[in-house]
PDB file of N, CA and C in Angstrom:
ATOM      1  N   MET A   1     138.651-172.770-118.330  1.00  0.00           N
ATOM      2  CA  MET A   1     137.666-172.673-118.695  1.00  0.00           C
ATOM      3  C   MET A   1     137.212-174.346-118.366  1.00  0.00           C
ATOM      4  N   GLU A   2     136.094-174.670-117.903  1.00  0.00           N
ATOM      5  CA  GLU A   2     135.367-176.060-117.168  1.00  0.00           C
ATOM      6  C   GLU A   2     135.737-177.001-118.239  1.00  0.00           C
ATOM      7  N   HIS A   3     135.746-178.464-117.945  1.00  0.00           N
ATOM      8  CA  HIS A   3     135.885-179.433-119.049  1.00  0.00           C
ATOM      9  C   HIS A   3     135.320-180.448-118.566  1.00  0.00           C
ATOM     10  N   LYS A   4     134.805-181.456-119.415  1.00  0.00           N
ATOM     11  CA  LYS A   4     133.725-182.316-119.223  1.00  0.00           C
ATOM     12  C   LYS A   4     134.224-183.664-119.384  1.00  0.00           C
ATOM     13  N   LYS A   5     134.741-184.896-118.803  1.00  0.00           N
ATOM     14  CA  LYS A   5     134.971-186.070-119.471  1.00  0.00           C
ATOM     15  C   LYS A   5     133.956-187.045-119.914  1.00  0.00           C
ATOM     16  N   ILE A   6     134.427-187.029-121.546  1.00  0.00           N
ATOM     17  CA  ILE A   6     132.905-188.120-122.119  1.00  0.00           C
ATOM     18  C   ILE A   6     134.155-189.054-123.041  1.00  0.00           C
ATOM     19  N   SER A   7     133.312-190.045-123.340  1.00  0.00           N
ATOM     20  CA  SER A   7     134.386-191.496-123.815  1.00  0.00           C
ATOM     21  C   SER A   7     133.740-191.393-124.914  1.00  0.00           C
ATOM     22  N   ILE A   8     134.296-191.674-125.921  1.00  0.00           N
ATOM     23  CA  ILE A   8     133.600-191.917-127.043  1.00  0.00           C
ATOM     24  C   ILE A   8     134.283-192.911-127.799  1.00  0.00           C
ATOM     25  N   THR A   9     133.975-193.747-128.834  1.00  0.00           N
ATOM     26  CA  THR A   9     134.073-194.758-129.731  1.00  0.00           C
ATOM     27  C   THR A   9     134.282-194.456-131.243  1.00  0.00           C
ATOM     28  N   LEU A  10     135.697-194.934-132.018  1.00  0.00           N
ATOM     29  CA  LEU A  10     135.295-194.251-133.297  1.00  0.00           C
ATOM     30  C   LEU A  10     136.243-195.317-133.894  1.00  0.00           C
ATOM     31  N   PRO A  11     136.131-195.273-135.160  1.00  0.00           N
ATOM     32  CA  PRO A  11     136.630-196.380-136.117  1.00  0.00           C
ATOM     33  C   PRO A  11     137.852-196.268-136.101  1.00  0.00           C
ATOM     34  N   GLU A  12     138.990-197.546-135.950  1.00  0.00           N
ATOM     35  CA  GLU A  12     139.995-197.434-135.522  1.00  0.00           C
ATOM     36  C   GLU A  12     141.056-196.524-136.444  1.00  0.00           C
ATOM     37  N   ASP A  13     140.484-196.634-137.424  1.00  0.00           N
ATOM     38  CA  ASP A  13     141.694-195.451-138.840  1.00  0.00           C
ATOM     39  C   ASP A  13     140.874-194.321-138.428  1.00  0.00           C
ATOM     40  N   ILE A  14     140.193-193.882-137.829  1.00  0.00           N
ATOM     41  CA  ILE A  14     139.976-192.336-137.371  1.00  0.00           C
ATOM     42  C   ILE A  14     140.952-192.194-136.399  1.00  0.00           C
ATOM     43  N   ALA A  15     140.611-193.037-135.602  1.00  0.00           N
ATOM     44  CA  ALA A  15     141.612-192.814-134.411  1.00  0.00           C
ATOM     45  C   ALA A  15     143.093-192.333-134.418  1.00  0.00           C
ATOM     46  N   ASN A  16     143.395-193.400-134.982  1.00  0.00           N
ATOM     47  CA  ASN A  16     144.795-193.468-135.949  1.00  0.00           C
ATOM     48  C   ASN A  16     145.198-192.488-136.366  1.00  0.00           C
ATOM     49  N   ASP A  17     144.551-191.832-137.043  1.00  0.00           N
ATOM     50  CA  ASP A  17     144.650-190.161-137.797  1.00  0.00           C
ATOM     51  C   ASP A  17     144.785-189.466-136.557  1.00  0.00           C
ATOM     52  N   ILE A  18     143.348-189.417-135.754  1.00  0.00           N
ATOM     53  CA  ILE A  18     143.519-188.230-135.119  1.00  0.00           C
ATOM     54  C   ILE A  18     145.283-188.518-134.184  1.00  0.00           C
ATOM     55  N   ASP A  19     145.913-189.488-133.953  1.00  0.00           N
ATOM     56  CA  ASP A  19     146.696-189.466-133.352  1.00  0.00           C
ATOM     57  C   ASP A  19     148.275-189.421-133.898  1.00  0.00           C
ATOM     58  N   MET A  20     147.839-189.950-135.452  1.00  0.00           N
ATOM     59  CA  MET A  20     148.994-188.979-136.028  1.00  0.00           C
ATOM     60  C   MET A  20     148.907-187.710-136.499  1.00  0.00           C
ATOM     61  N   LEU A  21     147.930-186.739-136.760  1.00  0.00           N
ATOM     62  CA  LEU A  21     147.407-185.564-136.624  1.00  0.00           C
ATOM     63  C   LEU A  21     147.841-184.653-135.509  1.00  0.00           C
ATOM     64  N   SER A  22     147.938-185.637-134.182  1.00  0.00           N
ATOM     65  CA  SER A  22     147.998-184.679-133.330  1.00  0.00           C
ATOM     66  C   SER A  22     149.456-184.616-132.813  1.00  0.00           C
ATOM     67  N   ALA A  23     150.102-185.857-133.407  1.00  0.00           N
ATOM     68  CA  ALA A  23     151.943-185.919-133.030  1.00  0.00           C
ATOM     69  C   ALA A  23     152.137-185.153-134.055  1.00  0.00           C
ATOM     70  N   ASP A  24     152.097-184.721-135.290  1.00  0.00           N
ATOM     71  CA  ASP A  24     152.582-184.443-136.783  1.00  0.00           C
ATOM     72  C   ASP A  24     152.219-182.224-135.641  1.00  0.00           C
ATOM     73  N   LEU A  25     151.172-182.351-135.075  1.00  0.00           N
ATOM     74  CA  LEU A  25     150.967-181.275-134.806  1.00  0.00           C
ATOM     75  C   LEU A  25     151.389-180.968-133.588  1.00  0.00           C
ATOM     76  N   HIS A  26     151.996-181.557-132.446  1.00  0.00           N
ATOM     77  CA  HIS A  26     152.479-181.246-131.340  1.00  0.00           C
ATOM     78  C   HIS A  26     151.593-180.963-130.131  1.00  0.00           C
ATOM     79  N   ILE A  27     150.449-181.520-130.134  1.00  0.00           N
ATOM     80  CA  ILE A  27     149.738-181.378-129.425  1.00  0.00           C
ATOM     81  C   ILE A  27     148.608-182.969-129.115  1.00  0.00           C
ATOM     82  N   SER A  28     148.218-182.479-128.054  1.00  0.00           N
ATOM     83  CA  SER A  28     147.434-183.497-127.611  1.00  0.00           C
ATOM     84  C   SER A  28     146.317-184.075-128.345  1.00  0.00           C
ATOM     85  N   ALA A  29     145.798-185.593-128.404  1.00  0.00           N
ATOM     86  CA  ALA A  29     144.596-185.855-128.982  1.00  0.00           C
ATOM     87  C   ALA A  29     143.289-185.661-129.046  1.00  0.00           C
ATOM     88  N   ASN A  30     143.645-184.885-127.342  1.00  0.00           N
ATOM     89  CA  ASN A  30     142.351-184.100-126.500  1.00  0.00           C
ATOM     90  C   ASN A  30     142.410-182.633-127.316  1.00  0.00           C
ATOM     91  N   SER A  31     143.470-181.706-127.392  1.00  0.00           N
ATOM     92  CA  SER A  31     143.206-180.615-128.013  1.00  0.00           C
ATOM     93  C   SER A  31     142.857-180.610-129.486  1.00  0.00           C
ATOM     94  N   LEU A  32     143.377-181.580-130.330  1.00  0.00           N
ATOM     95  CA  LEU A  32     143.022-181.930-131.849  1.00  0.00           C
ATOM     96  C   LEU A  32     141.586-181.674-131.820  1.00  0.00           C
ATOM     97  N   VAL A  33     140.803-182.603-131.270  1.00  0.00           N
ATOM     98  CA  VAL A  33     139.606-183.233-131.066  1.00  0.00           C
ATOM     99  C   VAL A  33     138.800-181.790-130.370  1.00  0.00           C
ATOM    100  N   GLU A  34     139.027-181.169-129.615  1.00  0.00           N
ATOM    101  CA  GLU A  34     138.196-180.102-129.225  1.00  0.00           C
ATOM    102  C   GLU A  34     138.370-179.189-130.055  1.00  0.00           C
ATOM    103  N   SER A  35     139.513-178.738-131.197  1.00  0.00           N
ATOM    104  CA  SER A  35     139.511-177.821-131.841  1.00  0.00           C
ATOM    105  C   SER A  35     138.572-178.081-132.888  1.00  0.00           C
ATOM    106  N   ILE A  36     138.764-179.060-133.517  1.00  0.00           N
ATOM    107  CA  ILE A  36     137.866-179.755-134.612  1.00  0.00           C
ATOM    108  C   ILE A  36     136.123-179.643-134.338  1.00  0.00           C
ATOM    109  N   VAL A  37     136.016-180.021-133.199  1.00  0.00           N
ATOM    110  CA  VAL A  37     134.769-179.939-132.425  1.00  0.00           C
ATOM    111  C   VAL A  37     134.299-178.548-132.407  1.00  0.00           C
ATOM    112  N   LYS A  38     135.114-177.491-132.291  1.00  0.00           N
ATOM    113  CA  LYS A  38     134.850-176.199-132.126  1.00  0.00           C
ATOM    114  C   LYS A  38     134.226-175.745-133.525  1.00  0.00           C
ATOM    115  N   SER A  39     135.584-175.868-134.186  1.00  0.00           N
ATOM    116  CA  SER A  39     135.800-175.370-135.375  1.00  0.00           C
ATOM    117  C   SER A  39     133.558-176.009-136.230  1.00  0.00           C
ATOM    118  N   TYR A  40     133.881-177.292-136.302  1.00  0.00           N
ATOM    119  CA  TYR A  40     132.592-177.794-136.689  1.00  0.00           C
ATOM    120  C   TYR A  40     131.415-176.664-136.179  1.00  0.00           C
ATOM    121  N   LEU A  41     131.578-176.595-134.840  1.00  0.00           N
ATOM    122  CA  LEU A  41     130.192-176.173-134.127  1.00  0.00           C
ATOM    123  C   LEU A  41     129.793-174.560-134.795  1.00  0.00           C
ATOM    124  N   ALA A  42     131.106-173.718-134.914  1.00  0.00           N
ATOM    125  CA  ALA A  42     131.243-172.553-135.427  1.00  0.00           C
ATOM    126  C   ALA A  42     131.009-172.572-136.602  1.00  0.00           C
ATOM    127  N   GLU A  43     131.115-173.713-137.382  1.00  0.00           N
ATOM    128  CA  GLU A  43     130.632-173.757-139.287  1.00  0.00           C
ATOM    129  C   GLU A  43     129.450-173.589-139.628  1.00  0.00           C
ATOM    130  N   LYS A  44     128.160-174.632-138.386  1.00  0.00           N
ATOM    131  CA  LYS A  44     127.741-174.684-138.068  1.00  0.00           C
ATOM    132  C   LYS A  44     126.623-173.355-137.405  1.00  0.00           C
ATOM    133  N   ARG A  45     127.213-172.866-136.361  1.00  0.00           N
ATOM    134  CA  ARG A  45     126.085-171.947-136.298  1.00  0.00           C
ATOM    135  C   ARG A  45     126.316-170.877-137.254  1.00  0.00           C
ATOM    136  N   ARG A  46     127.469-170.683-138.340  1.00  0.00           N
ATOM    137  CA  ARG A  46     127.328-170.107-139.442  1.00  0.00           C
ATOM    138  C   ARG A  46     126.437-170.021-140.459  1.00  0.00           C
ATOM    139  N   ILE A  47     126.426-171.370-140.505  1.00  0.00           N
ATOM    140  CA  ILE A  47     125.195-171.746-141.587  1.00  0.00           C
ATOM    141  C   ILE A  47     124.133-171.146-141.428  1.00  0.00           C
ATOM    142  N   GLU A  48     123.437-171.952-140.210  1.00  0.00           N
ATOM    143  CA  GLU A  48     121.716-171.455-139.892  1.00  0.00           C
ATOM    144  C   GLU A  48     121.811-170.061-139.325  1.00  0.00           C
ATOM    145  N   THR A  49     122.636-169.661-139.186  1.00  0.00           N
ATOM    146  CA  THR A  49     122.428-167.794-139.219  1.00  0.00           C
ATOM    147  C   THR A  49     122.554-167.152-140.354  1.00  0.00           C
ATOM    148  N   LYS A  50     123.150-167.747-141.518  1.00  0.00           N
ATOM    149  CA  LYS A  50     122.751-167.439-142.846  1.00  0.00           C
ATOM    150  C   LYS A  50     121.469-167.850-143.231  1.00  0.00           C
ATOM    151  N   ALA A  51     121.315-169.186-142.835  1.00  0.00           N
ATOM    152  CA  ALA A  51     119.926-169.953-143.729  1.00  0.00           C
ATOM    153  C   ALA A  51     118.535-168.598-143.049  1.00  0.00           C
ATOM    154  N   GLU A  52     118.913-168.786-141.572  1.00  0.00           N
ATOM    155  CA  GLU A  52     117.463-167.583-140.897  1.00  0.00           C
ATOM    156  C   GLU A  52     117.732-166.287-141.605  1.00  0.00           C
ATOM    157  N   LEU A  53     118.694-165.890-141.928  1.00  0.00           N
ATOM    158  CA  LEU A  53     118.678-164.420-142.282  1.00  0.00           C
ATOM    159  C   LEU A  53     118.014-164.456-144.053  1.00  0.00           C
ATOM    160  N   LYS A  54     118.620-165.289-144.523  1.00  0.00           N
ATOM    161  CA  LYS A  54     118.117-165.368-145.922  1.00  0.00           C
ATOM    162  C   LYS A  54     116.575-165.277-146.060  1.00  0.00           C
ATOM    163  N   LYS A  55     115.926-166.412-144.934  1.00  0.00           N
ATOM    164  CA  LYS A  55     114.398-166.937-144.716  1.00  0.00           C
ATOM    165  C   LYS A  55     114.068-165.066-144.351  1.00  0.00           C
ATOM    166  N   GLY A  56     114.698-164.710-143.308  1.00  0.00           N
ATOM    167  CA  GLY A  56     114.190-163.229-143.002  1.00  0.00           C
ATOM    168  C   GLY A  56     114.213-162.602-144.023  1.00  0.00           C
ATOM    169  N   TYR A  57     115.065-162.697-145.407  1.00  0.00           N
ATOM    170  CA  TYR A  57     114.697-161.500-146.085  1.00  0.00           C
ATOM    171  C   TYR A  57     113.476-162.019-147.046  1.00  0.00           C
ATOM    172  N   LEU A  58     113.987-162.993-147.580  1.00  0.00           N
ATOM    173  CA  LEU A  58     112.686-163.392-148.176  1.00  0.00           C
ATOM    174  C   LEU A  58     111.368-163.110-147.902  1.00  0.00           C
ATOM    175  N   GLU A  59     111.078-163.049-146.112  1.00  0.00           N
ATOM    176  CA  GLU A  59     109.761-162.928-145.861  1.00  0.00           C
ATOM    177  C   GLU A  59     109.941-161.368-146.190  1.00  0.00           C
ATOM    178  N   MET A  60     110.281-160.291-146.045  1.00  0.00           N
ATOM    179  CA  MET A  60     110.725-158.694-146.079  1.00  0.00           C
ATOM    180  C   MET A  60     110.406-158.699-147.579  1.00  0.00           C
ATOM    181  N   ALA A  61     110.503-159.054-148.565  1.00  0.00           N
ATOM    182  CA  ALA A  61     110.866-159.127-149.743  1.00  0.00           C
ATOM    183  C   ALA A  61     109.695-158.309-150.377  1.00  0.00           C
ATOM    184  N   GLN A  62     108.887-159.245-150.121  1.00  0.00           N
ATOM    185  CA  GLN A  62     107.119-158.482-150.558  1.00  0.00           C
ATOM    186  C   GLN A  62     106.501-157.230-149.752  1.00  0.00           C
ATOM    187  N   ILE A  63     106.896-157.033-148.353  1.00  0.00           N
ATOM    188  CA  ILE A  63     106.710-156.031-147.964  1.00  0.00           C
ATOM    189  C   ILE A  63     107.276-154.864-148.410  1.00  0.00           C
ATOM    190  N   ASN A  64     108.939-155.356-148.799  1.00  0.00           N
ATOM    191  CA  ASN A  64     109.549-154.064-149.353  1.00  0.00           C
ATOM    192  C   ASN A  64     108.780-153.558-150.106  1.00  0.00           C
ATOM    193  N   LEU A  65     108.857-154.600-151.406  1.00  0.00           N
ATOM    194  CA  LEU A  65     108.128-154.359-152.633  1.00  0.00           C
ATOM    195  C   LEU A  65     107.254-153.607-152.444  1.00  0.00           C
ATOM    196  N   SER A  66     106.066-153.812-152.054  1.00  0.00           N
ATOM    197  CA  SER A  66     104.579-153.233-151.175  1.00  0.00           C
ATOM    198  C   SER A  66     104.732-151.800-151.183  1.00  0.00           C
ATOM    199  N   ILE A  67     105.730-151.404-149.745  1.00  0.00           N
ATOM    200  CA  ILE A  67     106.110-149.972-149.304  1.00  0.00           C
ATOM    201  C   ILE A  67     106.821-149.216-150.912  1.00  0.00           C
ATOM    202  N   ALA A  68     107.816-150.111-151.645  1.00  0.00           N
ATOM    203  CA  ALA A  68     108.397-148.851-152.844  1.00  0.00           C
ATOM    204  C   ALA A  68     107.307-148.688-153.029  1.00  0.00           C
ATOM    205  N   THR A  69     106.388-149.728-154.022  1.00  0.00           N
ATOM    206  CA  THR A  69     105.411-149.401-155.411  1.00  0.00           C
ATOM    207  C   THR A  69     104.212-148.036-154.484  1.00  0.00           C
ATOM    208  N   GLU A  70     103.949-148.234-153.371  1.00  0.00           N
ATOM    209  CA  GLU A  70     103.153-147.268-152.590  1.00  0.00           C
ATOM    210  C   GLU A  70     103.872-145.824-152.627  1.00  0.00           C
ATOM    211  N   CYS A  71     105.514-146.139-152.553  1.00  0.00           N
ATOM    212  CA  CYS A  71     105.932-144.646-152.800  1.00  0.00           C
ATOM    213  C   CYS A  71     106.041-144.415-153.807  1.00  0.00           C
ATOM    214  N   PHE A  72     106.313-145.425-154.973  1.00  0.00           N
ATOM    215  CA  PHE A  72     106.345-144.902-156.499  1.00  0.00           C
ATOM    216  C   PHE A  72     105.326-144.265-156.908  1.00  0.00           C
ATOM    217  N   ASN A  73     103.789-145.053-156.769  1.00  0.00           N
ATOM    218  CA  ASN A  73     102.616-144.514-157.019  1.00  0.00           C
ATOM    219  C   ASN A  73     102.813-143.019-156.770  1.00  0.00           C
ATOM    220  N   SER A  74     102.546-142.779-155.299  1.00  0.00           N
ATOM    221  CA  SER A  74     102.305-141.807-154.901  1.00  0.00           C
ATOM    222  C   SER A  74     103.182-140.357-155.564  1.00  0.00           C
ATOM    223  N   ASP A  75     104.690-141.080-155.350  1.00  0.00           N
ATOM    224  CA  ASP A  75     105.649-139.659-156.141  1.00  0.00           C
ATOM    225  C   ASP A  75     104.821-139.818-157.634  1.00  0.00           C
ATOM    226  N   GLN A  76     104.692-140.590-158.569  1.00  0.00           N
ATOM    227  CA  GLN A  76     104.014-140.528-159.639  1.00  0.00           C
ATOM    228  C   GLN A  76     102.693-139.838-160.052  1.00  0.00           C
ATOM    229  N   ALA A  77     102.096-140.055-158.574  1.00  0.00           N
ATOM    230  CA  ALA A  77     100.650-139.285-158.941  1.00  0.00           C
ATOM    231  C   ALA A  77     101.085-137.364-158.266  1.00  0.00           C
ATOM    232  N   THR A  78     101.546-137.043-157.439  1.00  0.00           N
ATOM    233  CA  THR A  78     102.808-135.917-157.172  1.00  0.00           C
ATOM    234  C   THR A  78     102.817-135.311-158.534  1.00  0.00           C
ATOM    235  N   GLN A  79     104.156-136.157-159.430  1.00  0.00           N
ATOM    236  CA  GLN A  79     104.572-135.764-160.670  1.00  0.00           C
ATOM    237  C   GLN A  79     103.331-135.546-161.451  1.00  0.00           C
ATOM    238  N   ASP A  80     101.981-136.141-161.783  1.00  0.00           N
ATOM    239  CA  ASP A  80     101.658-136.078-162.645  1.00  0.00           C
ATOM    240  C   ASP A  80     100.551-134.815-162.562  1.00  0.00           C
ATOM    241  N   ALA A  81     100.240-134.423-161.007  1.00  0.00           N
ATOM    242  CA  ALA A  81      99.370-133.290-160.476  1.00  0.00           C
ATOM    243  C   ALA A  81     100.153-132.158-161.227  1.00  0.00           C
ATOM    244  N   TYR A  82     101.156-132.062-160.694  1.00  0.00           N
ATOM    245  CA  TYR A  82     102.412-130.747-160.322  1.00  0.00           C
ATOM    246  C   TYR A  82     101.882-130.611-162.776  1.00  0.00           C
ATOM    247  N   GLU A  83     102.723-131.387-163.211  1.00  0.00           N
ATOM    248  CA  GLU A  83     102.579-131.571-164.703  1.00  0.00           C
ATOM    249  C   GLU A  83     101.120-130.972-165.220  1.00  0.00           C
ATOM    250  N   GLN A  84     100.444-131.080-164.800  1.00  0.00           N
ATOM    251  CA  GLN A  84      98.850-130.682-165.102  1.00  0.00           C
ATOM    252  C   GLN A  84      98.849-129.108-164.658  1.00  0.00           C
ATOM    253  N   PHE A  85      99.466-128.993-163.438  1.00  0.00           N
ATOM    254  CA  PHE A  85      99.074-127.664-162.657  1.00  0.00           C
ATOM    255  C   PHE A  85     100.319-127.057-163.771  1.00  0.00           C
ATOM    256  N   LEU A  86     101.779-126.879-164.122  1.00  0.00           N
ATOM    257  CA  LEU A  86     102.396-126.284-165.381  1.00  0.00           C
ATOM    258  C   LEU A  86     101.654-126.187-166.426  1.00  0.00           C
ATOM    259  N   MET A  87     101.125-127.177-167.277  1.00  0.00           N
ATOM    260  CA  MET A  87     100.624-127.313-168.707  1.00  0.00           C
ATOM    261  C   MET A  87      99.456-126.060-167.974  1.00  0.00           C
ATOM    262  N   GLY A  88      99.019-125.819-167.253  1.00  0.00           N
ATOM    263  CA  GLY A  88      97.422-124.791-166.875  1.00  0.00           C
ATOM    264  C   GLY A  88      97.858-123.540-166.948  1.00  0.00           C
ATOM    265  N   CYS A  89      99.477-123.132-166.464  1.00  0.00           N
ATOM    266  CA  CYS A  89     100.544-121.669-166.422  1.00  0.00           C
ATOM    267  C   CYS A  89     100.599-121.457-167.717  1.00  0.00           C
ATOM    268  N   GLU A  90     100.650-122.069-168.628  1.00  0.00           N
ATOM    269  CA  GLU A  90     101.358-121.758-170.399  1.00  0.00           C
ATOM    270  C   GLU A  90      99.867-120.520-171.002  1.00  0.00           C
TER     271      GLU A  90
END
């Protein structure tokens, strides 16, 4: 994978935490920051996807309810006609 060099400025305490954590994990500070950014971006995409799915399901809820009601009413009309037919056979 290609890498692009960037320069960032962080508060000293955060930079020190990165240095200490990367030393504890026996990885470079670059690798640590890359891993943290990848995790953040993956979580951000997951949250956005979940929000889009929720929005879509909410938009479809009324349509699905309308279809279900139509089918129920149609089934009910068929059931009523069938019961009328049966009552006529007695």
